[in-house]
């Protein structure tokens, strides 16, 4: 089973290495991100729609840190697009770039929710499968009931 290829919007191996392949930590951090990401993205969209470059800069910087934890390369690329536009000539509309970022973050949240947040057993199985793919040890707290040999 190669579950890594089922991820499009983040790199689960990179993220799981940060939490030592702990499925519970994976679920907790993913759940917190999914719960707050919509509000963050909406604030960025509002700032972009009103032309508030300072707010766009500050809000995208905060979001960028969270996206980096999940190795969310596509969303990070959209943040980079916004940051480049912010350094560009004045008067540029940030709204289309903010909308693309919002779409990517929505897709990331859907992916995390599908794989991680909704089902504790599924997130443990995922952590075990990913650890096995890279030959990493799996913490005993991550092994789902009935999965140990």
Protein backbone atom coordinates (compact mmCIF):
# COMPACT_ATOMS: atom_id res chain seq x y z
CA UNK A 1 0.00 0.00 0.00
CA UNK A 2 1.49 3.34 -1.02
CA UNK A 3 -0.66 5.96 0.67
CA UNK A 4 1.77 8.81 0.02
CA UNK A 5 0.56 9.03 -3.57
CA UNK A 6 -2.95 9.72 -2.34
CA UNK A 7 -1.82 13.11 -1.02
CA UNK A 8 -1.83 16.04 -3.42
CA UNK A 9 -1.88 19.09 -1.17
CA UNK A 10 0.67 18.14 1.49
CA UNK A 11 3.61 15.83 2.17
CA UNK A 12 2.55 13.50 4.99
CA UNK A 13 6.02 12.00 5.38
CA UNK A 14 7.57 15.40 6.08
CA UNK A 15 4.83 16.25 8.55
CA UNK A 16 4.92 12.89 10.30
CA UNK A 17 8.69 13.14 10.74
CA UNK A 18 8.08 16.32 12.73
CA UNK A 19 5.82 14.41 15.13
CA UNK A 20 7.89 11.18 15.18
CA UNK A 21 5.18 9.29 13.25
CA UNK A 22 2.73 9.77 16.12
CA UNK A 23 -0.75 9.34 14.69
CA UNK A 24 -2.41 11.10 17.61
CA UNK A 25 -0.22 14.19 17.15
CA UNK A 26 -1.00 14.04 13.44
CA UNK A 27 -4.72 14.11 14.16
CA UNK A 28 -4.49 16.82 16.83
CA UNK A 29 -2.42 19.26 14.77
CA UNK A 30 -4.40 18.59 11.62
CA UNK A 31 -7.66 19.12 13.47
CA UNK A 32 -6.48 22.45 14.87
CA UNK A 33 -5.35 23.59 11.44
CA UNK A 34 -8.58 22.56 9.73
CA UNK A 35 -10.63 24.26 12.47
CA UNK A 36 -8.87 27.61 12.07
CA UNK A 37 -7.78 27.75 8.45
CA UNK A 38 -11.08 28.96 7.06
CA UNK A 39 -11.08 32.01 9.32
CA UNK A 40 -7.45 32.79 8.42
CA UNK A 41 -8.11 32.53 4.70
CA UNK A 42 -11.28 34.61 4.94
CA UNK A 43 -9.30 37.36 6.69
CA UNK A 44 -6.72 37.27 3.89
CA UNK A 45 -9.46 37.46 1.25
CA UNK A 46 -11.09 40.40 3.02
CA UNK A 47 -7.79 42.25 3.30
CA UNK A 48 -7.02 41.56 -0.37
CA UNK A 49 -10.49 42.66 -1.50
CA UNK A 50 -10.13 45.94 0.39
CA UNK A 51 -6.57 46.56 -0.84
CA UNK A 52 -5.01 46.35 2.62
CA UNK A 53 -1.51 45.21 1.64
CA UNK A 54 -0.18 45.38 5.20
CA UNK A 55 -2.89 43.05 6.49
CA UNK A 56 -2.41 40.68 3.54
CA UNK A 57 1.32 40.55 4.31
CA UNK A 58 0.84 39.92 8.03
CA UNK A 59 -1.93 37.36 7.60
CA UNK A 60 -0.18 35.38 4.87
CA UNK A 61 3.00 35.31 6.95
CA UNK A 62 1.10 33.73 9.84
CA UNK A 63 -0.57 31.19 7.55
CA UNK A 64 2.73 30.35 5.87
CA UNK A 65 4.11 28.95 9.14
CA UNK A 66 1.19 26.58 9.50
CA UNK A 67 1.40 25.49 5.89
CA UNK A 68 5.11 24.76 6.27
CA UNK A 69 4.40 22.35 9.14
CA UNK A 70 2.23 20.27 6.78
CA UNK A 71 4.70 20.58 3.90
CA UNK A 72 1.78 22.00 1.92
CA UNK A 73 3.83 22.91 -1.16
CA UNK A 74 0.94 23.95 -3.45
CA UNK A 75 -0.53 26.33 -0.84
CA UNK A 76 2.94 27.66 -0.01
CA UNK A 77 3.37 28.45 -3.70
CA UNK A 78 0.15 30.50 -3.61
CA UNK A 79 1.50 32.37 -0.55
CA UNK A 80 4.71 33.05 -2.48
CA UNK A 81 2.62 34.44 -5.36
CA UNK A 82 0.94 36.84 -2.96
CA UNK A 83 4.24 37.85 -1.37
CA UNK A 84 5.76 38.59 -4.80
CA UNK A 85 2.74 40.72 -5.70
CA UNK A 86 3.10 42.61 -2.42
CA UNK A 87 6.68 43.51 -3.37
CA UNK A 88 5.55 44.63 -6.82
CA UNK A 89 4.23 47.97 -7.99
CA UNK A 90 1.47 49.64 -5.99
CA UNK A 91 -2.11 49.35 -7.14
CA UNK A 92 -2.00 45.64 -7.98
CA UNK A 93 -5.15 43.74 -7.01
CA UNK A 94 -4.39 40.92 -4.59
CA UNK A 95 -7.93 39.52 -4.70
CA UNK A 96 -7.38 36.93 -7.49
CA UNK A 97 -4.23 35.65 -5.77
CA UNK A 98 -6.02 35.48 -2.42
CA UNK A 99 -8.84 33.52 -4.06
CA UNK A 100 -6.36 30.98 -5.47
CA UNK A 101 -4.76 30.65 -2.03
CA UNK A 102 -8.19 30.13 -0.48
CA UNK A 103 -9.00 27.39 -2.99
CA UNK A 104 -5.74 25.60 -2.26
CA UNK A 105 -6.14 25.85 1.52
CA UNK A 106 -9.71 24.53 1.18
CA UNK A 107 -8.38 21.56 -0.78
CA UNK A 108 -5.68 20.96 1.83
CA UNK A 109 -8.26 21.03 4.61
CA UNK A 110 -10.45 18.57 2.73
CA UNK A 111 -7.48 16.25 2.26
CA UNK A 112 -6.45 16.46 5.92
CA UNK A 113 -10.04 15.94 7.03
CA UNK A 114 -10.45 12.92 4.80
CA UNK A 115 -7.24 11.21 5.86
CA UNK A 116 -6.66 12.38 9.37
CA UNK A 117 -9.25 14.29 11.31
CA UNK A 118 -12.43 12.25 10.87
CA UNK A 119 -11.32 8.84 12.09
CA UNK A 120 -8.81 8.08 14.85
CA UNK A 121 -8.23 4.54 13.60
CA UNK A 122 -7.65 5.79 10.05
CA UNK A 123 -5.03 8.29 11.21
CA UNK A 124 -3.21 5.56 13.13
CA UNK A 125 -3.26 3.24 10.13
CA UNK A 126 -2.01 6.10 7.98
CA UNK A 127 0.86 6.88 10.36
CA UNK A 128 1.85 3.20 10.47
CA UNK A 129 1.69 2.82 6.69
CA UNK A 130 3.73 5.94 6.07
CA UNK A 131 6.33 4.96 8.67
CA UNK A 132 6.63 1.53 7.05
CA UNK A 133 7.14 3.12 3.62
CA UNK A 134 10.19 5.02 4.84
CA UNK A 135 11.43 2.38 7.27
CA UNK A 136 10.83 4.50 10.36
CA UNK A 137 9.94 3.01 13.74
CA UNK A 138 6.31 3.40 14.74
CA UNK A 139 5.53 4.50 18.31
CA UNK A 140 3.46 1.84 20.09
CA UNK A 141 0.81 4.47 20.89
CA UNK A 142 0.17 4.80 17.13
CA UNK A 143 -0.44 1.12 16.37
CA UNK A 144 -4.22 0.62 16.06
CA UNK A 145 -5.92 -1.98 18.28
CA UNK A 146 -5.66 -5.39 16.69
CA UNK A 147 -2.88 -4.35 14.31
CA UNK A 148 0.04 -5.53 16.42
CA UNK A 149 1.24 -8.95 15.55
